[in-house]
Amino acid sequence: MTSGNWLSRWAQTHVPETAMPALFTRHGEHPELQAFVQRLARLIATEMNILDPEYLILGGGVLAMADFPLAQLRSQIQQHLRPPATRDGLKIIFSQSTDHTGCRGACLAAERLFRSA
């Protein structure tokens, strides 16, 4: 209900003529896509309320889609945060996704794993 797979199935069922990268550009105001963003915000806020970190770094394919409502997501996350400690202290950062992001992450993980070996 908060994944790229859900979005893909929804798009295939409801707007099969729309390419996935244009989903939010063409249909971002659709109530079911708005509900998707709300569910995602609640899920993220729940985890933040449990973990109470200083930083939240979000990224990935869904958030990198054209016209994904990042400001709306940020606002809704903040609405669901437990005040005042988490709401006031959490810094939300959206990472920039590139074609090389996954490869770099894999290389950094391998370096950490094999450096000590």
PDB file of N, CA and C in Angstrom:
ATOM      1  N   MET A   1       0.807  -1.203   0.000  1.00  0.00           N
ATOM      2  CA  MET A   1       0.000   0.000   0.000  1.00  0.00           C
ATOM      3  C   MET A   1       0.853   1.272   0.000  1.00  0.00           C
ATOM      4  N   THR A   2       2.163   1.114   0.227  1.00  0.00           N
ATOM      5  CA  THR A   2       3.056   2.280   0.202  1.00  0.00           C
ATOM      6  C   THR A   2       4.307   1.985  -0.618  1.00  0.00           C
ATOM      7  N   SER A   3       4.154   1.222  -1.676  1.00  0.00           N
ATOM      8  CA  SER A   3       5.328   0.819  -2.447  1.00  0.00           C
ATOM      9  C   SER A   3       5.181   1.157  -3.925  1.00  0.00           C
ATOM     10  N   GLY A   4       6.303   1.072  -4.603  1.00  0.00           N
ATOM     11  CA  GLY A   4       6.290   1.237  -6.052  1.00  0.00           C
ATOM     12  C   GLY A   4       5.461   0.162  -6.730  1.00  0.00           C
ATOM     13  N   ASN A   5       5.457  -1.041  -6.159  1.00  0.00           N
ATOM     14  CA  ASN A   5       4.629  -2.115  -6.725  1.00  0.00           C
ATOM     15  C   ASN A   5       3.149  -1.756  -6.672  1.00  0.00           C
ATOM     16  N   TRP A   6       2.706  -1.194  -5.553  1.00  0.00           N
ATOM     17  CA  TRP A   6       1.304  -0.784  -5.437  1.00  0.00           C
ATOM     18  C   TRP A   6       0.998   0.272  -6.496  1.00  0.00           C
ATOM     19  N   LEU A   7       1.888   1.258  -6.629  1.00  0.00           N
ATOM     20  CA  LEU A   7       1.684   2.320  -7.629  1.00  0.00           C
ATOM     21  C   LEU A   7       1.588   1.735  -9.034  1.00  0.00           C
ATOM     22  N   SER A   8       2.468   0.796  -9.333  1.00  0.00           N
ATOM     23  CA  SER A   8       2.479   0.183 -10.651  1.00  0.00           C
ATOM     24  C   SER A   8       1.167  -0.560 -10.925  1.00  0.00           C
ATOM     25  N   ARG A   9       0.714  -1.346  -9.959  1.00  0.00           N
ATOM     26  CA  ARG A   9      -0.557  -2.056 -10.131  1.00  0.00           C
ATOM     27  C   ARG A   9      -1.720  -1.077 -10.266  1.00  0.00           C
ATOM     28  N   TRP A  10      -1.699  -0.022  -9.453  1.00  0.00           N
ATOM     29  CA  TRP A  10      -2.764   0.978  -9.528  1.00  0.00           C
ATOM     30  C   TRP A  10      -2.785   1.617 -10.915  1.00  0.00           C
ATOM     31  N   ALA A  11      -1.620   1.991 -11.400  1.00  0.00           N
ATOM     32  CA  ALA A  11      -1.524   2.636 -12.714  1.00  0.00           C
ATOM     33  C   ALA A  11      -2.009   1.702 -13.820  1.00  0.00           C
ATOM     34  N   GLN A  12      -1.601   0.446 -13.761  1.00  0.00           N
ATOM     35  CA  GLN A  12      -2.031  -0.518 -14.786  1.00  0.00           C
ATOM     36  C   GLN A  12      -3.540  -0.692 -14.786  1.00  0.00           C
ATOM     37  N   THR A  13      -4.139  -0.641 -13.620  1.00  0.00           N
ATOM     38  CA  THR A  13      -5.588  -0.830 -13.499  1.00  0.00           C
ATOM     39  C   THR A  13      -6.368   0.412 -13.881  1.00  0.00           C
ATOM     40  N   HIS A  14      -5.906   1.578 -13.438  1.00  0.00           N
ATOM     41  CA  HIS A  14      -6.703   2.804 -13.559  1.00  0.00           C
ATOM     42  C   HIS A  14      -6.295   3.727 -14.698  1.00  0.00           C
ATOM     43  N   VAL A  15      -5.010   3.773 -15.020  1.00  0.00           N
ATOM     44  CA  VAL A  15      -4.531   4.686 -16.073  1.00  0.00           C
ATOM     45  C   VAL A  15      -3.472   3.993 -16.924  1.00  0.00           C
ATOM     46  N   PRO A  16      -3.842   2.895 -17.588  1.00  0.00           N
ATOM     47  CA  PRO A  16      -2.834   2.108 -18.310  1.00  0.00           C
ATOM     48  C   PRO A  16      -2.139   2.868 -19.434  1.00  0.00           C
ATOM     49  N   GLU A  17      -2.724   3.960 -19.901  1.00  0.00           N
ATOM     50  CA  GLU A  17      -2.108   4.739 -20.974  1.00  0.00           C
ATOM     51  C   GLU A  17      -1.001   5.663 -20.467  1.00  0.00           C
ATOM     52  N   THR A  18      -0.865   5.793 -19.149  1.00  0.00           N
ATOM     53  CA  THR A  18       0.127   6.701 -18.565  1.00  0.00           C
ATOM     54  C   THR A  18       1.391   5.932 -18.191  1.00  0.00           C
ATOM     55  N   ALA A  19       2.530   6.411 -18.681  1.00  0.00           N
ATOM     56  CA  ALA A  19       3.813   5.808 -18.305  1.00  0.00           C
ATOM     57  C   ALA A  19       4.083   6.105 -16.825  1.00  0.00           C
ATOM     58  N   MET A  20       4.697   5.154 -16.130  1.00  0.00           N
ATOM     59  CA  MET A  20       4.954   5.320 -14.694  1.00  0.00           C
ATOM     60  C   MET A  20       5.666   6.624 -14.343  1.00  0.00           C
ATOM     61  N   PRO A  21       6.709   7.025 -15.083  1.00  0.00           N
ATOM     62  CA  PRO A  21       7.388   8.276 -14.703  1.00  0.00           C
ATOM     63  C   PRO A  21       6.467   9.502 -14.721  1.00  0.00           C
ATOM     64  N   ALA A  22       5.365   9.443 -15.466  1.00  0.00           N
ATOM     65  CA  ALA A  22       4.453  10.591 -15.570  1.00  0.00           C
ATOM     66  C   ALA A  22       3.222  10.448 -14.674  1.00  0.00           C
ATOM     67  N   LEU A  23       3.202   9.442 -13.821  1.00  0.00           N
ATOM     68  CA  LEU A  23       2.009   9.167 -13.029  1.00  0.00           C
ATOM     69  C   LEU A  23       1.582  10.359 -12.175  1.00  0.00           C
ATOM     70  N   PHE A  24       2.511  10.943 -11.432  1.00  0.00           N
ATOM     71  CA  PHE A  24       2.149  12.074 -10.568  1.00  0.00           C
ATOM     72  C   PHE A  24       1.979  13.356 -11.361  1.00  0.00           C
ATOM     73  N   THR A  25       2.642  13.466 -12.481  1.00  0.00           N
ATOM     74  CA  THR A  25       2.475  14.650 -13.329  1.00  0.00           C
ATOM     75  C   THR A  25       1.050  14.704 -13.869  1.00  0.00           C
ATOM     76  N   ARG A  26       0.553  13.589 -14.328  1.00  0.00           N
ATOM     77  CA  ARG A  26      -0.765  13.556 -14.972  1.00  0.00           C
ATOM     78  C   ARG A  26      -1.914  13.280 -14.006  1.00  0.00           C
ATOM     79  N   HIS A  27      -1.636  12.567 -12.900  1.00  0.00           N
ATOM     80  CA  HIS A  27      -2.742  12.123 -12.043  1.00  0.00           C
ATOM     81  C   HIS A  27      -2.484  12.369 -10.557  1.00  0.00           C
ATOM     82  N   GLY A  28      -1.564  13.240 -10.241  1.00  0.00           N
ATOM     83  CA  GLY A  28      -1.177  13.474  -8.852  1.00  0.00           C
ATOM     84  C   GLY A  28      -2.296  13.917  -7.942  1.00  0.00           C
ATOM     85  N   GLU A  29      -3.335  14.515  -8.492  1.00  0.00           N
ATOM     86  CA  GLU A  29      -4.455  14.985  -7.671  1.00  0.00           C
ATOM     87  C   GLU A  29      -5.520  13.905  -7.460  1.00  0.00           C
ATOM     88  N   HIS A  30      -5.339  12.749  -8.074  1.00  0.00           N
ATOM     89  CA  HIS A  30      -6.324  11.673  -7.915  1.00  0.00           C
ATOM     90  C   HIS A  30      -6.399  11.291  -6.427  1.00  0.00           C
ATOM     91  N   PRO A  31      -7.597  11.122  -5.893  1.00  0.00           N
ATOM     92  CA  PRO A  31      -7.748  10.814  -4.461  1.00  0.00           C
ATOM     93  C   PRO A  31      -6.972   9.572  -4.008  1.00  0.00           C
ATOM     94  N   GLU A  32      -6.857   8.565  -4.854  1.00  0.00           N
ATOM     95  CA  GLU A  32      -6.122   7.369  -4.444  1.00  0.00           C
ATOM     96  C   GLU A  32      -4.617   7.610  -4.395  1.00  0.00           C
ATOM     97  N   LEU A  33      -4.110   8.488  -5.253  1.00  0.00           N
ATOM     98  CA  LEU A  33      -2.685   8.827  -5.183  1.00  0.00           C
ATOM     99  C   LEU A  33      -2.421   9.748  -3.993  1.00  0.00           C
ATOM    100  N   GLN A  34      -3.363  10.620  -3.697  1.00  0.00           N
ATOM    101  CA  GLN A  34      -3.248  11.451  -2.499  1.00  0.00           C
ATOM    102  C   GLN A  34      -3.260  10.571  -1.243  1.00  0.00           C
ATOM    103  N   ALA A  35      -4.108   9.550  -1.240  1.00  0.00           N
ATOM    104  CA  ALA A  35      -4.168   8.621  -0.102  1.00  0.00           C
ATOM    105  C   ALA A  35      -2.862   7.838   0.018  1.00  0.00           C
ATOM    106  N   PHE A  36      -2.241   7.513  -1.121  1.00  0.00           N
ATOM    107  CA  PHE A  36      -0.942   6.830  -1.117  1.00  0.00           C
ATOM    108  C   PHE A  36       0.090   7.677  -0.372  1.00  0.00           C
ATOM    109  N   VAL A  37       0.147   8.964  -0.688  1.00  0.00           N
ATOM    110  CA  VAL A  37       1.109   9.866  -0.047  1.00  0.00           C
ATOM    111  C   VAL A  37       0.813   9.956   1.451  1.00  0.00           C
ATOM    112  N   GLN A  38      -0.457  10.017   1.809  1.00  0.00           N
ATOM    113  CA  GLN A  38      -0.840  10.074   3.233  1.00  0.00           C
ATOM    114  C   GLN A  38      -0.425   8.803   3.969  1.00  0.00           C
ATOM    115  N   ARG A  39      -0.650   7.635   3.352  1.00  0.00           N
ATOM    116  CA  ARG A  39      -0.247   6.370   3.992  1.00  0.00           C
ATOM    117  C   ARG A  39       1.275   6.326   4.175  1.00  0.00           C
ATOM    118  N   LEU A  40       1.993   6.762   3.145  1.00  0.00           N
ATOM    119  CA  LEU A  40       3.450   6.772   3.216  1.00  0.00           C
ATOM    120  C   LEU A  40       3.920   7.687   4.347  1.00  0.00           C
ATOM    121  N   ALA A  41       3.325   8.850   4.460  1.00  0.00           N
ATOM    122  CA  ALA A  41       3.697   9.801   5.517  1.00  0.00           C
ATOM    123  C   ALA A  41       3.435   9.218   6.900  1.00  0.00           C
ATOM    124  N   ARG A  42       2.292   8.585   7.076  1.00  0.00           N
ATOM    125  CA  ARG A  42       1.968   7.982   8.384  1.00  0.00           C
ATOM    126  C   ARG A  42       2.947   6.868   8.735  1.00  0.00           C
ATOM    127  N   LEU A  43       3.279   6.045   7.754  1.00  0.00           N
ATOM    128  CA  LEU A  43       4.222   4.953   7.983  1.00  0.00           C
ATOM    129  C   LEU A  43       5.595   5.489   8.391  1.00  0.00           C
ATOM    130  N   ILE A  44       6.080   6.468   7.655  1.00  0.00           N
ATOM    131  CA  ILE A  44       7.384   7.058   7.963  1.00  0.00           C
ATOM    132  C   ILE A  44       7.365   7.709   9.339  1.00  0.00           C
ATOM    133  N   ALA A  45       6.313   8.468   9.634  1.00  0.00           N
ATOM    134  CA  ALA A  45       6.217   9.151  10.930  1.00  0.00           C
ATOM    135  C   ALA A  45       6.161   8.153  12.080  1.00  0.00           C
ATOM    136  N   THR A  46       5.481   7.049  11.888  1.00  0.00           N
ATOM    137  CA  THR A  46       5.415   6.024  12.934  1.00  0.00           C
ATOM    138  C   THR A  46       6.802   5.518  13.275  1.00  0.00           C
ATOM    139  N   GLU A  47       7.592   5.224  12.252  1.00  0.00           N
ATOM    140  CA  GLU A  47       8.969   4.770  12.487  1.00  0.00           C
ATOM    141  C   GLU A  47       9.796   5.851  13.173  1.00  0.00           C
ATOM    142  N   MET A  48       9.623   7.086  12.771  1.00  0.00           N
ATOM    143  CA  MET A  48      10.386   8.173  13.376  1.00  0.00           C
ATOM    144  C   MET A  48       9.989   8.362  14.837  1.00  0.00           C
ATOM    145  N   ASN A  49       8.720   8.195  15.139  1.00  0.00           N
ATOM    146  CA  ASN A  49       8.268   8.313  16.527  1.00  0.00           C
ATOM    147  C   ASN A  49       8.861   7.207  17.399  1.00  0.00           C
ATOM    148  N   ILE A  50       9.048   6.032  16.826  1.00  0.00           N
ATOM    149  CA  ILE A  50       9.633   4.916  17.576  1.00  0.00           C
ATOM    150  C   ILE A  50      11.144   5.123  17.756  1.00  0.00           C
ATOM    151  N   LEU A  51      11.822   5.465  16.670  1.00  0.00           N
ATOM    152  CA  LEU A  51      13.288   5.556  16.696  1.00  0.00           C
ATOM    153  C   LEU A  51      13.808   6.887  17.219  1.00  0.00           C
ATOM    154  N   ASP A  52      13.050   7.953  17.026  1.00  0.00           N
ATOM    155  CA  ASP A  52      13.403   9.305  17.469  1.00  0.00           C
ATOM    156  C   ASP A  52      14.798   9.745  17.023  1.00  0.00           C
ATOM    157  N   PRO A  53      15.087   9.662  15.695  1.00  0.00           N
ATOM    158  CA  PRO A  53      16.404  10.084  15.201  1.00  0.00           C
ATOM    159  C   PRO A  53      16.467  11.593  15.018  1.00  0.00           C
ATOM    160  N   GLU A  54      17.668  12.074  14.728  1.00  0.00           N
ATOM    161  CA  GLU A  54      17.841  13.493  14.425  1.00  0.00           C
ATOM    162  C   GLU A  54      17.623  13.773  12.946  1.00  0.00           C
ATOM    163  N   TYR A  55      17.923  12.786  12.094  1.00  0.00           N
ATOM    164  CA  TYR A  55      17.829  12.967  10.652  1.00  0.00           C
ATOM    165  C   TYR A  55      16.987  11.861  10.036  1.00  0.00           C
ATOM    166  N   LEU A  56      16.261  12.221   9.013  1.00  0.00           N
ATOM    167  CA  LEU A  56      15.529  11.271   8.186  1.00  0.00           C
ATOM    168  C   LEU A  56      15.948  11.544   6.752  1.00  0.00           C
ATOM    169  N   ILE A  57      16.561  10.565   6.116  1.00  0.00           N
ATOM    170  CA  ILE A  57      16.984  10.704   4.728  1.00  0.00           C
ATOM    171  C   ILE A  57      16.109   9.795   3.889  1.00  0.00           C
ATOM    172  N   LEU A  58      15.375  10.382   2.967  1.00  0.00           N
ATOM    173  CA  LEU A  58      14.448   9.639   2.119  1.00  0.00           C
ATOM    174  C   LEU A  58      14.912   9.696   0.672  1.00  0.00           C
ATOM    175  N   GLY A  59      14.716   8.599  -0.029  1.00  0.00           N
ATOM    176  CA  GLY A  59      15.070   8.554  -1.436  1.00  0.00           C
ATOM    177  C   GLY A  59      14.448   7.342  -2.083  1.00  0.00           C
ATOM    178  N   GLY A  60      14.837   7.099  -3.295  1.00  0.00           N
ATOM    179  CA  GLY A  60      14.339   5.935  -4.013  1.00  0.00           C
ATOM    180  C   GLY A  60      13.528   6.333  -5.229  1.00  0.00           C
ATOM    181  N   GLY A  61      13.136   5.316  -5.966  1.00  0.00           N
ATOM    182  CA  GLY A  61      12.472   5.526  -7.245  1.00  0.00           C
ATOM    183  C   GLY A  61      11.153   6.253  -7.165  1.00  0.00           C
ATOM    184  N   VAL A  62      10.325   5.927  -6.191  1.00  0.00           N
ATOM    185  CA  VAL A  62       9.013   6.580  -6.093  1.00  0.00           C
ATOM    186  C   VAL A  62       9.190   8.063  -5.813  1.00  0.00           C
ATOM    187  N   LEU A  63      10.038   8.387  -4.850  1.00  0.00           N
ATOM    188  CA  LEU A  63      10.221   9.796  -4.488  1.00  0.00           C
ATOM    189  C   LEU A  63      10.931  10.589  -5.576  1.00  0.00           C
ATOM    190  N   ALA A  64      11.634   9.889  -6.466  1.00  0.00           N
ATOM    191  CA  ALA A  64      12.341  10.559  -7.564  1.00  0.00           C
ATOM    192  C   ALA A  64      11.447  10.749  -8.793  1.00  0.00           C
ATOM    193  N   MET A  65      10.222  10.224  -8.738  1.00  0.00           N
ATOM    194  CA  MET A  65       9.315  10.373  -9.890  1.00  0.00           C
ATOM    195  C   MET A  65       9.020  11.847 -10.135  1.00  0.00           C
ATOM    196  N   ALA A  66       8.851  12.186 -11.384  1.00  0.00           N
ATOM    197  CA  ALA A  66       8.517  13.574 -11.739  1.00  0.00           C
ATOM    198  C   ALA A  66       7.256  14.007 -11.007  1.00  0.00           C
ATOM    199  N   ASP A  67       7.320  15.167 -10.417  1.00  0.00           N
ATOM    200  CA  ASP A  67       6.197  15.804  -9.743  1.00  0.00           C
ATOM    201  C   ASP A  67       5.652  15.026  -8.558  1.00  0.00           C
ATOM    202  N   PHE A  68       6.457  14.102  -7.980  1.00  0.00           N
ATOM    203  CA  PHE A  68       6.023  13.483  -6.724  1.00  0.00           C
ATOM    204  C   PHE A  68       5.916  14.605  -5.702  1.00  0.00           C
ATOM    205  N   PRO A  69       4.845  14.643  -4.918  1.00  0.00           N
ATOM    206  CA  PRO A  69       4.613  15.772  -4.006  1.00  0.00           C
ATOM    207  C   PRO A  69       5.482  15.711  -2.743  1.00  0.00           C
ATOM    208  N   LEU A  70       6.759  16.021  -2.888  1.00  0.00           N
ATOM    209  CA  LEU A  70       7.690  15.952  -1.767  1.00  0.00           C
ATOM    210  C   LEU A  70       7.320  16.917  -0.642  1.00  0.00           C
ATOM    211  N   ALA A  71       6.908  18.124  -0.984  1.00  0.00           N
ATOM    212  CA  ALA A  71       6.526  19.095   0.052  1.00  0.00           C
ATOM    213  C   ALA A  71       5.313  18.596   0.830  1.00  0.00           C
ATOM    214  N   GLN A  72       4.370  18.022   0.133  1.00  0.00           N
ATOM    215  CA  GLN A  72       3.178  17.465   0.789  1.00  0.00           C
ATOM    216  C   GLN A  72       3.583  16.303   1.693  1.00  0.00           C
ATOM    217  N   LEU A  73       4.466  15.427   1.221  1.00  0.00           N
ATOM    218  CA  LEU A  73       4.928  14.311   2.033  1.00  0.00           C
ATOM    219  C   LEU A  73       5.609  14.815   3.297  1.00  0.00           C
ATOM    220  N   ARG A  74       6.504  15.794   3.146  1.00  0.00           N
ATOM    221  CA  ARG A  74       7.203  16.373   4.302  1.00  0.00           C
ATOM    222  C   ARG A  74       6.199  16.931   5.308  1.00  0.00           C
ATOM    223  N   SER A  75       5.257  17.701   4.828  1.00  0.00           N
ATOM    224  CA  SER A  75       4.258  18.308   5.705  1.00  0.00           C
ATOM    225  C   SER A  75       3.432  17.254   6.440  1.00  0.00           C
ATOM    226  N   GLN A  76       3.032  16.223   5.718  1.00  0.00           N
ATOM    227  CA  GLN A  76       2.215  15.184   6.342  1.00  0.00           C
ATOM    228  C   GLN A  76       3.023  14.340   7.324  1.00  0.00           C
ATOM    229  N   ILE A  77       4.293  14.108   7.038  1.00  0.00           N
ATOM    230  CA  ILE A  77       5.148  13.410   8.007  1.00  0.00           C
ATOM    231  C   ILE A  77       5.185  14.222   9.296  1.00  0.00           C
ATOM    232  N   GLN A  78       5.432  15.521   9.154  1.00  0.00           N
ATOM    233  CA  GLN A  78       5.542  16.378  10.337  1.00  0.00           C
ATOM    234  C   GLN A  78       4.241  16.429  11.132  1.00  0.00           C
ATOM    235  N   GLN A  79       3.104  16.358  10.455  1.00  0.00           N
ATOM    236  CA  GLN A  79       1.815  16.359  11.149  1.00  0.00           C
ATOM    237  C   GLN A  79       1.632  15.125  12.029  1.00  0.00           C
ATOM    238  N   HIS A  80       2.256  14.015  11.630  1.00  0.00           N
ATOM    239  CA  HIS A  80       2.082  12.759  12.366  1.00  0.00           C
ATOM    240  C   HIS A  80       3.195  12.494  13.377  1.00  0.00           C
ATOM    241  N   LEU A  81       4.166  13.399  13.469  1.00  0.00           N
ATOM    242  CA  LEU A  81       5.245  13.196  14.432  1.00  0.00           C
ATOM    243  C   LEU A  81       4.778  13.543  15.833  1.00  0.00           C
ATOM    244  N   ARG A  82       5.321  12.799  16.783  1.00  0.00           N
ATOM    245  CA  ARG A  82       4.977  13.023  18.187  1.00  0.00           C
ATOM    246  C   ARG A  82       5.631  14.332  18.641  1.00  0.00           C
ATOM    247  N   PRO A  83       4.836  15.290  19.059  1.00  0.00           N
ATOM    248  CA  PRO A  83       5.421  16.554  19.523  1.00  0.00           C
ATOM    249  C   PRO A  83       5.890  16.407  20.965  1.00  0.00           C
ATOM    250  N   PRO A  84       6.736  17.274  21.453  1.00  0.00           N
ATOM    251  CA  PRO A  84       7.493  18.238  20.654  1.00  0.00           C
ATOM    252  C   PRO A  84       8.855  17.708  20.219  1.00  0.00           C
ATOM    253  N   ALA A  85       9.380  16.699  20.898  1.00  0.00           N
ATOM    254  CA  ALA A  85      10.775  16.298  20.665  1.00  0.00           C
ATOM    255  C   ALA A  85      11.035  15.865  19.231  1.00  0.00           C
ATOM    256  N   THR A  86      10.277  14.928  18.730  1.00  0.00           N
ATOM    257  CA  THR A  86      10.528  14.431  17.383  1.00  0.00           C
ATOM    258  C   THR A  86      10.173  15.473  16.344  1.00  0.00           C
ATOM    259  N   ARG A  87       9.022  16.129  16.500  1.00  0.00           N
ATOM    260  CA  ARG A  87       8.575  17.120  15.514  1.00  0.00           C
ATOM    261  C   ARG A  87       9.567  18.268  15.402  1.00  0.00           C
ATOM    262  N   ASP A  88      10.060  18.747  16.523  1.00  0.00           N
ATOM    263  CA  ASP A  88      10.968  19.900  16.503  1.00  0.00           C
ATOM    264  C   ASP A  88      12.390  19.528  16.122  1.00  0.00           C
ATOM    265  N   GLY A  89      12.805  18.289  16.424  1.00  0.00           N
ATOM    266  CA  GLY A  89      14.199  17.935  16.235  1.00  0.00           C
ATOM    267  C   GLY A  89      14.534  17.206  14.952  1.00  0.00           C
ATOM    268  N   LEU A  90      13.534  16.653  14.262  1.00  0.00           N
ATOM    269  CA  LEU A  90      13.820  15.833  13.092  1.00  0.00           C
ATOM    270  C   LEU A  90      14.108  16.697  11.861  1.00  0.00           C
ATOM    271  N   LYS A  91      15.245  16.416  11.231  1.00  0.00           N
ATOM    272  CA  LYS A  91      15.602  17.091   9.974  1.00  0.00           C
ATOM    273  C   LYS A  91      15.332  16.106   8.846  1.00  0.00           C
ATOM    274  N   ILE A  92      14.458  16.483   7.917  1.00  0.00           N
ATOM    275  CA  ILE A  92      14.083  15.620   6.806  1.00  0.00           C
ATOM    276  C   ILE A  92      14.863  16.030   5.570  1.00  0.00           C
ATOM    277  N   ILE A  93      15.557  15.065   4.983  1.00  0.00           N
ATOM    278  CA  ILE A  93      16.389  15.310   3.805  1.00  0.00           C
ATOM    279  C   ILE A  93      15.954  14.358   2.704  1.00  0.00           C
ATOM    280  N   PHE A  94      15.762  14.870   1.507  1.00  0.00           N
ATOM    281  CA  PHE A  94      15.448  14.038   0.350  1.00  0.00           C
ATOM    282  C   PHE A  94      16.731  13.862  -0.449  1.00  0.00           C
ATOM    283  N   SER A  95      17.180  12.616  -0.572  1.00  0.00           N
ATOM    284  CA  SER A  95      18.418  12.362  -1.322  1.00  0.00           C
ATOM    285  C   SER A  95      18.126  12.435  -2.813  1.00  0.00           C
ATOM    286  N   GLN A  96      19.135  12.788  -3.547  1.00  0.00           N
ATOM    287  CA  GLN A  96      19.006  12.866  -4.994  1.00  0.00           C
ATOM    288  C   GLN A  96      19.369  11.518  -5.593  1.00  0.00           C
ATOM    289  N   SER A  97      18.467  10.952  -6.332  1.00  0.00           N
ATOM    290  CA  SER A  97      18.681   9.656  -6.948  1.00  0.00           C
ATOM    291  C   SER A  97      19.302   9.848  -8.326  1.00  0.00           C
ATOM    292  N   THR A  98      20.308   9.034  -8.607  1.00  0.00           N
ATOM    293  CA  THR A  98      20.937   9.072  -9.933  1.00  0.00           C
ATOM    294  C   THR A  98      21.024   7.640 -10.467  1.00  0.00           C
ATOM    295  N   ASP A  99      21.478   7.507 -11.692  1.00  0.00           N
ATOM    296  CA  ASP A  99      21.647   6.182 -12.278  1.00  0.00           C
ATOM    297  C   ASP A  99      22.716   5.372 -11.543  1.00  0.00           C
ATOM    298  N   HIS A 100      23.581   6.043 -10.785  1.00  0.00           N
ATOM    299  CA  HIS A 100      24.694   5.356 -10.135  1.00  0.00           C
ATOM    300  C   HIS A 100      24.484   5.164  -8.636  1.00  0.00           C
ATOM    301  N   THR A 101      23.385   5.627  -8.084  1.00  0.00           N
ATOM    302  CA  THR A 101      23.172   5.585  -6.642  1.00  0.00           C
ATOM    303  C   THR A 101      23.278   4.173  -6.093  1.00  0.00           C
ATOM    304  N   GLY A 102      22.564   3.227  -6.678  1.00  0.00           N
ATOM    305  CA  GLY A 102      22.594   1.850  -6.198  1.00  0.00           C
ATOM    306  C   GLY A 102      23.968   1.225  -6.286  1.00  0.00           C
ATOM    307  N   CYS A 103      24.666   1.502  -7.367  1.00  0.00           N
ATOM    308  CA  CYS A 103      26.015   0.957  -7.552  1.00  0.00           C
ATOM    309  C   CYS A 103      26.969   1.499  -6.495  1.00  0.00           C
ATOM    310  N   ARG A 104      26.884   2.777  -6.227  1.00  0.00           N
ATOM    311  CA  ARG A 104      27.760   3.376  -5.214  1.00  0.00           C
ATOM    312  C   ARG A 104      27.474   2.790  -3.841  1.00  0.00           C
ATOM    313  N   GLY A 105      26.193   2.621  -3.528  1.00  0.00           N
ATOM    314  CA  GLY A 105      25.829   2.026  -2.241  1.00  0.00           C
ATOM    315  C   GLY A 105      26.370   0.618  -2.105  1.00  0.00           C
ATOM    316  N   ALA A 106      26.270  -0.163  -3.162  1.00  0.00           N
ATOM    317  CA  ALA A 106      26.786  -1.533  -3.136  1.00  0.00           C
ATOM    318  C   ALA A 106      28.303  -1.531  -2.954  1.00  0.00           C
ATOM    319  N   CYS A 107      28.987  -0.625  -3.627  1.00  0.00           N
ATOM    320  CA  CYS A 107      30.449  -0.546  -3.492  1.00  0.00           C
ATOM    321  C   CYS A 107      30.854  -0.142  -2.072  1.00  0.00           C
ATOM    322  N   LEU A 108      30.155   0.813  -1.488  1.00  0.00           N
ATOM    323  CA  LEU A 108      30.462   1.224  -0.118  1.00  0.00           C
ATOM    324  C   LEU A 108      30.215   0.084   0.860  1.00  0.00           C
ATOM    325  N   ALA A 109      29.130  -0.663   0.662  1.00  0.00           N
ATOM    326  CA  ALA A 109      28.842  -1.801   1.537  1.00  0.00           C
ATOM    327  C   ALA A 109      29.921  -2.866   1.397  1.00  0.00           C
ATOM    328  N   ALA A 110      30.341  -3.160   0.179  1.00  0.00           N
ATOM    329  CA  ALA A 110      31.396  -4.151  -0.047  1.00  0.00           C
ATOM    330  C   ALA A 110      32.711  -3.695   0.583  1.00  0.00           C
ATOM    331  N   GLU A 111      33.015  -2.422   0.447  1.00  0.00           N
ATOM    332  CA  GLU A 111      34.245  -1.895   1.039  1.00  0.00           C
ATOM    333  C   GLU A 111      34.227  -2.068   2.560  1.00  0.00           C
ATOM    334  N   ARG A 112      33.111  -1.749   3.198  1.00  0.00           N
ATOM    335  CA  ARG A 112      33.007  -1.924   4.644  1.00  0.00           C
ATOM    336  C   ARG A 112      33.154  -3.396   5.035  1.00  0.00           C
ATOM    337  N   LEU A 113      32.517  -4.262   4.272  1.00  0.00           N
ATOM    338  CA  LEU A 113      32.537  -5.687   4.572  1.00  0.00           C
ATOM    339  C   LEU A 113      33.927  -6.285   4.404  1.00  0.00           C
ATOM    340  N   PHE A 114      34.597  -5.962   3.312  1.00  0.00           N
ATOM    341  CA  PHE A 114      35.871  -6.607   2.995  1.00  0.00           C
ATOM    342  C   PHE A 114      37.089  -5.873   3.546  1.00  0.00           C
ATOM    343  N   ARG A 115      36.927  -4.663   3.990  1.00  0.00           N
ATOM    344  CA  ARG A 115      38.061  -3.916   4.544  1.00  0.00           C
ATOM    345  C   ARG A 115      38.575  -4.601   5.803  1.00  0.00           C
ATOM    346  N   SER A 116      37.673  -5.086   6.618  1.00  0.00           N
ATOM    347  CA  SER A 116      38.077  -5.714   7.872  1.00  0.00           C
ATOM    348  C   SER A 116      38.462  -7.182   7.700  1.00  0.00           C
ATOM    349  N   ALA A 117      38.234  -7.722   6.513  1.00  0.00           N
ATOM    350  CA  ALA A 117      38.527  -9.162   6.291  1.00  0.00           C
ATOM    351  C   ALA A 117      39.980  -9.402   5.980  1.00  0.00           C
TER     352      ALA A 117
END
